[in-house]
Amino acid sequence: MKTNPRPFSFPPSDSPDVVGYRLYAEPAPGPITYAASERWDLGPETSGNLADYLGDHSGDFLLGVSALDAAGNESDIAITGPVALDFSPPNPPGPLSLG
């Protein structure tokens, strides 16, 4: 099964001590929270493919990103959404006929 890529990107934080970012996802209507939402550490990257993180989840999602500094502090979450995501593959066709 091949998953369709869904690229994302965001501008980096202008804080000089940022060492990484964290991606958040929550089914709409949310809300996104630090403790309850699914989250993934992105490292220093400011772009990626949502399919790498959300796998086969589909539906309307709120997405967010936060910045992390070297001391372990986390910024507020910048939220986008709701966004309709569809990572579900179509059903296969009927059986192949020969002859």
PDB file of N, CA and C in Angstrom:
ATOM      1  N   MET A   1       0.851  -1.162   0.000  1.00  0.00           N
ATOM      2  CA  MET A   1       0.000   0.000   0.000  1.00  0.00           C
ATOM      3  C   MET A   1       0.900   1.228   0.000  1.00  0.00           C
ATOM      4  N   LYS A   2       0.663   2.126  -0.930  1.00  0.00           N
ATOM      5  CA  LYS A   2       1.417   3.356  -1.035  1.00  0.00           C
ATOM      6  C   LYS A   2       0.595   4.506  -0.483  1.00  0.00           C
ATOM      7  N   THR A   3       1.184   5.307   0.377  1.00  0.00           N
ATOM      8  CA  THR A   3       0.479   6.436   0.956  1.00  0.00           C
ATOM      9  C   THR A   3       0.790   7.693   0.156  1.00  0.00           C
ATOM     10  N   ASN A   4      -0.244   8.454  -0.146  1.00  0.00           N
ATOM     11  CA  ASN A   4      -0.094   9.686  -0.894  1.00  0.00           C
ATOM     12  C   ASN A   4       0.602  10.732  -0.035  1.00  0.00           C
ATOM     13  N   PRO A   5       1.658  11.371  -0.522  1.00  0.00           N
ATOM     14  CA  PRO A   5       2.341  12.372   0.296  1.00  0.00           C
ATOM     15  C   PRO A   5       1.475  13.606   0.495  1.00  0.00           C
ATOM     16  N   ARG A   6       1.583  14.214   1.624  1.00  0.00           N
ATOM     17  CA  ARG A   6       0.905  15.483   1.938  1.00  0.00           C
ATOM     18  C   ARG A   6       1.942  16.378   2.609  1.00  0.00           C
ATOM     19  N   PRO A   7       2.664  17.182   1.804  1.00  0.00           N
ATOM     20  CA  PRO A   7       3.747  17.989   2.369  1.00  0.00           C
ATOM     21  C   PRO A   7       3.233  19.094   3.278  1.00  0.00           C
ATOM     22  N   PHE A   8       4.053  19.462   4.256  1.00  0.00           N
ATOM     23  CA  PHE A   8       3.773  20.602   5.112  1.00  0.00           C
ATOM     24  C   PHE A   8       5.065  21.378   5.321  1.00  0.00           C
ATOM     25  N   SER A   9       4.928  22.642   5.652  1.00  0.00           N
ATOM     26  CA  SER A   9       6.082  23.470   6.016  1.00  0.00           C
ATOM     27  C   SER A   9       5.586  24.632   6.866  1.00  0.00           C
ATOM     28  N   PHE A  10       6.499  25.241   7.577  1.00  0.00           N
ATOM     29  CA  PHE A  10       6.188  26.398   8.404  1.00  0.00           C
ATOM     30  C   PHE A  10       7.453  27.232   8.544  1.00  0.00           C
ATOM     31  N   PRO A  11       7.291  28.548   8.760  1.00  0.00           N
ATOM     32  CA  PRO A  11       8.481  29.378   8.960  1.00  0.00           C
ATOM     33  C   PRO A  11       9.121  29.080  10.309  1.00  0.00           C
ATOM     34  N   PRO A  12      10.424  29.117  10.382  1.00  0.00           N
ATOM     35  CA  PRO A  12      11.094  28.829  11.656  1.00  0.00           C
ATOM     36  C   PRO A  12      10.833  29.921  12.688  1.00  0.00           C
ATOM     37  N   SER A  13      11.003  29.566  13.943  1.00  0.00           N
ATOM     38  CA  SER A  13      10.934  30.541  15.036  1.00  0.00           C
ATOM     39  C   SER A  13      12.103  31.507  14.905  1.00  0.00           C
ATOM     40  N   ASP A  14      11.876  32.761  15.289  1.00  0.00           N
ATOM     41  CA  ASP A  14      12.968  33.726  15.244  1.00  0.00           C
ATOM     42  C   ASP A  14      13.765  33.775  16.551  1.00  0.00           C
ATOM     43  N   SER A  15      13.456  32.886  17.496  1.00  0.00           N
ATOM     44  CA  SER A  15      14.225  32.809  18.741  1.00  0.00           C
ATOM     45  C   SER A  15      15.574  32.140  18.471  1.00  0.00           C
ATOM     46  N   PRO A  16      16.663  32.699  18.978  1.00  0.00           N
ATOM     47  CA  PRO A  16      17.989  32.171  18.650  1.00  0.00           C
ATOM     48  C   PRO A  16      18.315  30.823  19.294  1.00  0.00           C
ATOM     49  N   ASP A  17      17.622  30.431  20.356  1.00  0.00           N
ATOM     50  CA  ASP A  17      17.985  29.202  21.053  1.00  0.00           C
ATOM     51  C   ASP A  17      17.093  28.007  20.706  1.00  0.00           C
ATOM     52  N   VAL A  18      16.305  28.099  19.625  1.00  0.00           N
ATOM     53  CA  VAL A  18      15.437  26.984  19.234  1.00  0.00           C
ATOM     54  C   VAL A  18      16.286  25.843  18.688  1.00  0.00           C
ATOM     55  N   VAL A  19      16.008  24.631  19.190  1.00  0.00           N
ATOM     56  CA  VAL A  19      16.740  23.451  18.736  1.00  0.00           C
ATOM     57  C   VAL A  19      15.848  22.471  17.979  1.00  0.00           C
ATOM     58  N   GLY A  20      14.535  22.693  18.021  1.00  0.00           N
ATOM     59  CA  GLY A  20      13.651  21.773  17.327  1.00  0.00           C
ATOM     60  C   GLY A  20      12.201  22.217  17.395  1.00  0.00           C
ATOM     61  N   TYR A  21      11.360  21.383  16.792  1.00  0.00           N
ATOM     62  CA  TYR A  21       9.939  21.682  16.685  1.00  0.00           C
ATOM     63  C   TYR A  21       9.137  20.431  17.014  1.00  0.00           C
ATOM     64  N   ARG A  22       7.876  20.625  17.363  1.00  0.00           N
ATOM     65  CA  ARG A  22       6.981  19.520  17.675  1.00  0.00           C
ATOM     66  C   ARG A  22       5.687  19.717  16.876  1.00  0.00           C
ATOM     67  N   LEU A  23       5.264  18.659  16.185  1.00  0.00           N
ATOM     68  CA  LEU A  23       4.029  18.654  15.401  1.00  0.00           C
ATOM     69  C   LEU A  23       2.912  18.057  16.245  1.00  0.00           C
ATOM     70  N   TYR A  24       1.734  18.682  16.222  1.00  0.00           N
ATOM     71  CA  TYR A  24       0.558  18.210  16.948  1.00  0.00           C
ATOM     72  C   TYR A  24      -0.575  17.948  15.964  1.00  0.00           C
ATOM     73  N   ALA A  25      -1.404  16.950  16.268  1.00  0.00           N
ATOM     74  CA  ALA A  25      -2.608  16.677  15.473  1.00  0.00           C
ATOM     75  C   ALA A  25      -3.729  16.258  16.412  1.00  0.00           C
ATOM     76  N   GLU A  26      -4.919  16.762  16.126  1.00  0.00           N
ATOM     77  CA  GLU A  26      -6.104  16.444  16.920  1.00  0.00           C
ATOM     78  C   GLU A  26      -7.302  16.428  15.980  1.00  0.00           C
ATOM     79  N   PRO A  27      -8.133  15.375  16.043  1.00  0.00           N
ATOM     80  CA  PRO A  27      -9.341  15.394  15.214  1.00  0.00           C
ATOM     81  C   PRO A  27     -10.168  16.645  15.515  1.00  0.00           C
ATOM     82  N   ALA A  28     -10.693  17.284  14.470  1.00  0.00           N
ATOM     83  CA  ALA A  28     -11.530  18.473  14.649  1.00  0.00           C
ATOM     84  C   ALA A  28     -12.814  18.063  15.349  1.00  0.00           C
ATOM     85  N   PRO A  29     -13.363  18.851  16.223  1.00  0.00           N
ATOM     86  CA  PRO A  29     -13.075  20.267  16.421  1.00  0.00           C
ATOM     87  C   PRO A  29     -11.987  20.556  17.440  1.00  0.00           C
ATOM     88  N   GLY A  30     -11.260  19.524  17.927  1.00  0.00           N
ATOM     89  CA  GLY A  30     -10.172  19.790  18.853  1.00  0.00           C
ATOM     90  C   GLY A  30     -10.651  19.839  20.292  1.00  0.00           C
ATOM     91  N   PRO A  31     -10.000  20.523  21.152  1.00  0.00           N
ATOM     92  CA  PRO A  31      -8.868  21.419  20.937  1.00  0.00           C
ATOM     93  C   PRO A  31      -7.535  20.685  20.977  1.00  0.00           C
ATOM     94  N   ILE A  32      -6.506  21.331  20.460  1.00  0.00           N
ATOM     95  CA  ILE A  32      -5.143  20.812  20.587  1.00  0.00           C
ATOM     96  C   ILE A  32      -4.638  21.172  21.983  1.00  0.00           C
ATOM     97  N   THR A  33      -4.078  20.186  22.677  1.00  0.00           N
ATOM     98  CA  THR A  33      -3.488  20.432  23.987  1.00  0.00           C
ATOM     99  C   THR A  33      -2.119  19.767  24.051  1.00  0.00           C
ATOM    100  N   TYR A  34      -1.254  20.298  24.903  1.00  0.00           N
ATOM    101  CA  TYR A  34       0.091  19.736  25.043  1.00  0.00           C
ATOM    102  C   TYR A  34       0.046  18.271  25.479  1.00  0.00           C
ATOM    103  N   ALA A  35      -0.842  17.934  26.383  1.00  0.00           N
ATOM    104  CA  ALA A  35      -0.846  16.601  26.985  1.00  0.00           C
ATOM    105  C   ALA A  35      -1.680  15.582  26.223  1.00  0.00           C
ATOM    106  N   ALA A  36      -2.813  15.984  25.639  1.00  0.00           N
ATOM    107  CA  ALA A  36      -3.757  15.002  25.100  1.00  0.00           C
ATOM    108  C   ALA A  36      -3.617  14.747  23.608  1.00  0.00           C
ATOM    109  N   SER A  37      -3.102  15.688  22.846  1.00  0.00           N
ATOM    110  CA  SER A  37      -3.035  15.532  21.393  1.00  0.00           C
ATOM    111  C   SER A  37      -1.875  14.632  20.985  1.00  0.00           C
ATOM    112  N   GLU A  38      -2.040  13.972  19.828  1.00  0.00           N
ATOM    113  CA  GLU A  38      -0.902  13.215  19.281  1.00  0.00           C
ATOM    114  C   GLU A  38       0.176  14.217  18.930  1.00  0.00           C
ATOM    115  N   ARG A  39       1.447  13.844  19.169  1.00  0.00           N
ATOM    116  CA  ARG A  39       2.541  14.754  18.883  1.00  0.00           C
ATOM    117  C   ARG A  39       3.798  13.989  18.472  1.00  0.00           C
ATOM    118  N   TRP A  40       4.608  14.673  17.660  1.00  0.00           N
ATOM    119  CA  TRP A  40       5.837  14.082  17.149  1.00  0.00           C
ATOM    120  C   TRP A  40       6.927  15.141  17.166  1.00  0.00           C
ATOM    121  N   ASP A  41       8.108  14.771  17.623  1.00  0.00           N
ATOM    122  CA  ASP A  41       9.244  15.679  17.579  1.00  0.00           C
ATOM    123  C   ASP A  41       9.817  15.671  16.167  1.00  0.00           C
ATOM    124  N   LEU A  42       9.996  16.861  15.601  1.00  0.00           N
ATOM    125  CA  LEU A  42      10.480  17.002  14.230  1.00  0.00           C
ATOM    126  C   LEU A  42      11.971  17.263  14.156  1.00  0.00           C
ATOM    127  N   GLY A  43      12.614  17.491  15.294  1.00  0.00           N
ATOM    128  CA  GLY A  43      14.002  17.926  15.242  1.00  0.00           C
ATOM    129  C   GLY A  43      14.038  19.330  14.666  1.00  0.00           C
ATOM    130  N   PRO A  44      15.116  19.701  13.999  1.00  0.00           N
ATOM    131  CA  PRO A  44      15.234  21.069  13.480  1.00  0.00           C
ATOM    132  C   PRO A  44      14.470  21.307  12.171  1.00  0.00           C
ATOM    133  N   GLU A  45      13.828  20.271  11.630  1.00  0.00           N
ATOM    134  CA  GLU A  45      13.155  20.389  10.333  1.00  0.00           C
ATOM    135  C   GLU A  45      11.909  21.270  10.412  1.00  0.00           C
ATOM    136  N   THR A  46      11.699  22.101   9.388  1.00  0.00           N
ATOM    137  CA  THR A  46      10.505  22.944   9.299  1.00  0.00           C
ATOM    138  C   THR A  46       9.604  22.528   8.135  1.00  0.00           C
ATOM    139  N   SER A  47       9.800  21.315   7.668  1.00  0.00           N
ATOM    140  CA  SER A  47       8.952  20.773   6.604  1.00  0.00           C
ATOM    141  C   SER A  47       8.969  19.255   6.710  1.00  0.00           C
ATOM    142  N   GLY A  48       8.009  18.639   6.055  1.00  0.00           N
ATOM    143  CA  GLY A  48       7.926  17.185   6.073  1.00  0.00           C
ATOM    144  C   GLY A  48       6.703  16.706   5.334  1.00  0.00           C
ATOM    145  N   ASN A  49       6.332  15.465   5.581  1.00  0.00           N
ATOM    146  CA  ASN A  49       5.193  14.821   4.935  1.00  0.00           C
ATOM    147  C   ASN A  49       4.243  14.350   6.033  1.00  0.00           C
ATOM    148  N   LEU A  50       3.020  14.856   6.049  1.00  0.00           N
ATOM    149  CA  LEU A  50       2.055  14.469   7.085  1.00  0.00           C
ATOM    150  C   LEU A  50       1.816  12.967   7.110  1.00  0.00           C
ATOM    151  N   ALA A  51       1.875  12.311   5.967  1.00  0.00           N
ATOM    152  CA  ALA A  51       1.650  10.861   5.923  1.00  0.00           C
ATOM    153  C   ALA A  51       2.671  10.110   6.772  1.00  0.00           C
ATOM    154  N   ASP A  52       3.880  10.661   6.922  1.00  0.00           N
ATOM    155  CA  ASP A  52       4.900  10.019   7.753  1.00  0.00           C
ATOM    156  C   ASP A  52       4.502  10.020   9.232  1.00  0.00           C
ATOM    157  N   TYR A  53       3.658  10.945   9.633  1.00  0.00           N
ATOM    158  CA  TYR A  53       3.263  11.072  11.032  1.00  0.00           C
ATOM    159  C   TYR A  53       1.854  10.554  11.301  1.00  0.00           C
ATOM    160  N   LEU A  54       0.929  10.857  10.417  1.00  0.00           N
ATOM    161  CA  LEU A  54      -0.467  10.482  10.642  1.00  0.00           C
ATOM    162  C   LEU A  54      -0.825   9.117  10.071  1.00  0.00           C
ATOM    163  N   GLY A  55       0.082   8.501   9.319  1.00  0.00           N
ATOM    164  CA  GLY A  55      -0.168   7.156   8.797  1.00  0.00           C
ATOM    165  C   GLY A  55      -1.430   7.097   7.978  1.00  0.00           C
ATOM    166  N   ASP A  56      -2.384   6.274   8.402  1.00  0.00           N
ATOM    167  CA  ASP A  56      -3.620   6.110   7.627  1.00  0.00           C
ATOM    168  C   ASP A  56      -4.810   6.831   8.256  1.00  0.00           C
ATOM    169  N   HIS A  57      -4.560   7.757   9.191  1.00  0.00           N
ATOM    170  CA  HIS A  57      -5.652   8.539   9.774  1.00  0.00           C
ATOM    171  C   HIS A  57      -6.264   9.430   8.690  1.00  0.00           C
ATOM    172  N   SER A  58      -7.556   9.508   8.650  1.00  0.00           N
ATOM    173  CA  SER A  58      -8.239  10.387   7.713  1.00  0.00           C
ATOM    174  C   SER A  58      -9.350  11.120   8.445  1.00  0.00           C
ATOM    175  N   GLY A  59      -9.717  12.271   7.920  1.00  0.00           N
ATOM    176  CA  GLY A  59     -10.779  13.072   8.505  1.00  0.00           C
ATOM    177  C   GLY A  59     -10.342  14.517   8.630  1.00  0.00           C
ATOM    178  N   ASP A  60     -11.103  15.292   9.387  1.00  0.00           N
ATOM    179  CA  ASP A  60     -10.779  16.697   9.609  1.00  0.00           C
ATOM    180  C   ASP A  60      -9.914  16.821  10.866  1.00  0.00           C
ATOM    181  N   PHE A  61      -8.780  17.488  10.729  1.00  0.00           N
ATOM    182  CA  PHE A  61      -7.827  17.616  11.822  1.00  0.00           C
ATOM    183  C   PHE A  61      -7.452  19.065  12.053  1.00  0.00           C
ATOM    184  N   LEU A  62      -7.154  19.368  13.302  1.00  0.00           N
ATOM    185  CA  LEU A  62      -6.432  20.577  13.632  1.00  0.00           C
ATOM    186  C   LEU A  62      -4.967  20.175  13.702  1.00  0.00           C
ATOM    187  N   LEU A  63      -4.101  20.971  13.118  1.00  0.00           N
ATOM    188  CA  LEU A  63      -2.665  20.705  13.147  1.00  0.00           C
ATOM    189  C   LEU A  63      -1.980  21.865  13.837  1.00  0.00           C
ATOM    190  N   GLY A  64      -0.926  21.580  14.545  1.00  0.00           N
ATOM    191  CA  GLY A  64      -0.195  22.632  15.236  1.00  0.00           C
ATOM    192  C   GLY A  64       1.281  22.327  15.280  1.00  0.00           C
ATOM    193  N   VAL A  65       2.053  23.362  15.530  1.00  0.00           N
ATOM    194  CA  VAL A  65       3.496  23.206  15.665  1.00  0.00           C
ATOM    195  C   VAL A  65       3.979  24.139  16.775  1.00  0.00           C
ATOM    196  N   SER A  66       4.955  23.662  17.534  1.00  0.00           N
ATOM    197  CA  SER A  66       5.562  24.476  18.584  1.00  0.00           C
ATOM    198  C   SER A  66       7.073  24.421  18.426  1.00  0.00           C
ATOM    199  N   ALA A  67       7.750  25.363  19.056  1.00  0.00           N
ATOM    200  CA  ALA A  67       9.207  25.416  19.046  1.00  0.00           C
ATOM    201  C   ALA A  67       9.732  24.962  20.407  1.00  0.00           C
ATOM    202  N   LEU A  68      10.879  24.288  20.391  1.00  0.00           N
ATOM    203  CA  LEU A  68      11.533  23.804  21.607  1.00  0.00           C
ATOM    204  C   LEU A  68      12.918  24.441  21.696  1.00  0.00           C
ATOM    205  N   ASP A  69      13.298  24.883  22.911  1.00  0.00           N
ATOM    206  CA  ASP A  69      14.632  25.455  23.058  1.00  0.00           C
ATOM    207  C   ASP A  69      15.568  24.484  23.779  1.00  0.00           C
ATOM    208  N   ALA A  70      16.824  24.868  23.871  1.00  0.00           N
ATOM    209  CA  ALA A  70      17.844  23.991  24.454  1.00  0.00           C
ATOM    210  C   ALA A  70      17.593  23.692  25.929  1.00  0.00           C
ATOM    211  N   ALA A  71      16.863  24.563  26.614  1.00  0.00           N
ATOM    212  CA  ALA A  71      16.565  24.345  28.032  1.00  0.00           C
ATOM    213  C   ALA A  71      15.345  23.443  28.237  1.00  0.00           C
ATOM    214  N   GLY A  72      14.700  23.020  27.150  1.00  0.00           N
ATOM    215  CA  GLY A  72      13.525  22.155  27.256  1.00  0.00           C
ATOM    216  C   GLY A  72      12.207  22.897  27.324  1.00  0.00           C
ATOM    217  N   ASN A  73      12.226  24.216  27.151  1.00  0.00           N
ATOM    218  CA  ASN A  73      10.993  24.998  27.137  1.00  0.00           C
ATOM    219  C   ASN A  73      10.286  24.835  25.798  1.00  0.00           C
ATOM    220  N   GLU A  74       8.951  24.900  25.847  1.00  0.00           N
ATOM    221  CA  GLU A  74       8.145  24.762  24.634  1.00  0.00           C
ATOM    222  C   GLU A  74       7.291  26.011  24.451  1.00  0.00           C
ATOM    223  N   SER A  75       7.240  26.488  23.212  1.00  0.00           N
ATOM    224  CA  SER A  75       6.448  27.677  22.894  1.00  0.00           C
ATOM    225  C   SER A  75       4.957  27.348  22.892  1.00  0.00           C
ATOM    226  N   ASP A  76       4.139  28.383  22.702  1.00  0.00           N
ATOM    227  CA  ASP A  76       2.728  28.160  22.414  1.00  0.00           C
ATOM    228  C   ASP A  76       2.631  27.359  21.124  1.00  0.00           C
ATOM    229  N   ILE A  77       1.481  26.734  20.907  1.00  0.00           N
ATOM    230  CA  ILE A  77       1.252  25.945  19.695  1.00  0.00           C
ATOM    231  C   ILE A  77       0.585  26.832  18.655  1.00  0.00           C
ATOM    232  N   ALA A  78       1.214  26.957  17.482  1.00  0.00           N
ATOM    233  CA  ALA A  78       0.604  27.659  16.357  1.00  0.00           C
ATOM    234  C   ALA A  78      -0.318  26.662  15.660  1.00  0.00           C
ATOM    235  N   ILE A  79      -1.610  26.980  15.592  1.00  0.00           N
ATOM    236  CA  ILE A  79      -2.611  26.024  15.128  1.00  0.00           C
ATOM    237  C   ILE A  79      -3.133  26.392  13.743  1.00  0.00           C
ATOM    238  N   THR A  80      -3.296  25.365  12.908  1.00  0.00           N
ATOM    239  CA  THR A  80      -3.889  25.479  11.581  1.00  0.00           C
ATOM    240  C   THR A  80      -5.033  24.492  11.492  1.00  0.00           C
ATOM    241  N   GLY A  81      -6.106  24.882  10.857  1.00  0.00           N
ATOM    242  CA  GLY A  81      -7.168  23.908  10.637  1.00  0.00           C
ATOM    243  C   GLY A  81      -8.529  24.505  10.833  1.00  0.00           C
ATOM    244  N   PRO A  82      -9.535  23.707  10.666  1.00  0.00           N
ATOM    245  CA  PRO A  82      -9.430  22.284  10.372  1.00  0.00           C
ATOM    246  C   PRO A  82      -8.988  22.022   8.930  1.00  0.00           C
ATOM    247  N   VAL A  83      -8.273  20.933   8.765  1.00  0.00           N
ATOM    248  CA  VAL A  83      -7.754  20.507   7.474  1.00  0.00           C
ATOM    249  C   VAL A  83      -8.302  19.114   7.190  1.00  0.00           C
ATOM    250  N   ALA A  84      -8.873  18.919   5.997  1.00  0.00           N
ATOM    251  CA  ALA A  84      -9.380  17.603   5.610  1.00  0.00           C
ATOM    252  C   ALA A  84      -8.221  16.763   5.081  1.00  0.00           C
ATOM    253  N   LEU A  85      -7.974  15.624   5.718  1.00  0.00           N
ATOM    254  CA  LEU A  85      -6.899  14.722   5.304  1.00  0.00           C
ATOM    255  C   LEU A  85      -7.489  13.375   4.911  1.00  0.00           C
ATOM    256  N   ASP A  86      -6.993  12.834   3.826  1.00  0.00           N
ATOM    257  CA  ASP A  86      -7.463  11.524   3.362  1.00  0.00           C
ATOM    258  C   ASP A  86      -6.255  10.686   2.978  1.00  0.00           C
ATOM    259  N   PHE A  87      -5.864   9.795   3.875  1.00  0.00           N
ATOM    260  CA  PHE A  87      -4.763   8.877   3.610  1.00  0.00           C
ATOM    261  C   PHE A  87      -5.259   7.464   3.355  1.00  0.00           C
ATOM    262  N   SER A  88      -6.581   7.279   3.240  1.00  0.00           N
ATOM    263  CA  SER A  88      -7.157   5.952   3.026  1.00  0.00           C
ATOM    264  C   SER A  88      -7.069   5.582   1.550  1.00  0.00           C
ATOM    265  N   PRO A  89      -6.549   4.401   1.238  1.00  0.00           N
ATOM    266  CA  PRO A  89      -6.475   3.993  -0.163  1.00  0.00           C
ATOM    267  C   PRO A  89      -7.855   3.588  -0.672  1.00  0.00           C
ATOM    268  N   PRO A  90      -8.067   3.626  -1.983  1.00  0.00           N
ATOM    269  CA  PRO A  90      -9.347   3.177  -2.533  1.00  0.00           C
ATOM    270  C   PRO A  90      -9.483   1.659  -2.418  1.00  0.00           C
ATOM    271  N   ASN A  91     -10.686   1.162  -2.555  1.00  0.00           N
ATOM    272  CA  ASN A  91     -10.900  -0.288  -2.597  1.00  0.00           C
ATOM    273  C   ASN A  91     -10.290  -0.839  -3.876  1.00  0.00           C
ATOM    274  N   PRO A  92      -9.842  -2.088  -3.868  1.00  0.00           N
ATOM    275  CA  PRO A  92      -9.264  -2.666  -5.073  1.00  0.00           C
ATOM    276  C   PRO A  92     -10.349  -2.934  -6.121  1.00  0.00           C
ATOM    277  N   PRO A  93      -9.947  -3.072  -7.382  1.00  0.00           N
ATOM    278  CA  PRO A  93     -10.921  -3.438  -8.410  1.00  0.00           C
ATOM    279  C   PRO A  93     -11.329  -4.906  -8.253  1.00  0.00           C
ATOM    280  N   GLY A  94     -12.276  -5.338  -9.063  1.00  0.00           N
ATOM    281  CA  GLY A  94     -12.686  -6.740  -9.040  1.00  0.00           C
ATOM    282  C   GLY A  94     -11.568  -7.643  -9.543  1.00  0.00           C
ATOM    283  N   PRO A  95     -11.772  -8.968  -9.453  1.00  0.00           N
ATOM    284  CA  PRO A  95     -10.724  -9.894  -9.880  1.00  0.00           C
ATOM    285  C   PRO A  95     -10.430  -9.795 -11.376  1.00  0.00           C
ATOM    286  N   LEU A  96      -9.196 -10.080 -11.709  1.00  0.00           N
ATOM    287  CA  LEU A  96      -8.742 -10.073 -13.080  1.00  0.00           C
ATOM    288  C   LEU A  96      -9.300 -11.289 -13.818  1.00  0.00           C
ATOM    289  N   SER A  97      -9.812 -11.066 -15.017  1.00  0.00           N
ATOM    290  CA  SER A  97     -10.311 -12.177 -15.851  1.00  0.00           C
ATOM    291  C   SER A  97      -9.281 -12.515 -16.905  1.00  0.00           C
ATOM    292  N   LEU A  98      -9.091 -13.788 -17.146  1.00  0.00           N
ATOM    293  CA  LEU A  98      -8.173 -14.227 -18.191  1.00  0.00           C
ATOM    294  C   LEU A  98      -8.948 -14.932 -19.287  1.00  0.00           C
ATOM    295  N   GLY A  99      -8.534 -14.697 -20.516  1.00  0.00           N
ATOM    296  CA  GLY A  99      -9.120 -15.400 -21.668  1.00  0.00           C
ATOM    297  C   GLY A  99     -10.332 -14.779 -22.110  1.00  0.00           C
TER     298      GLY A  99
END
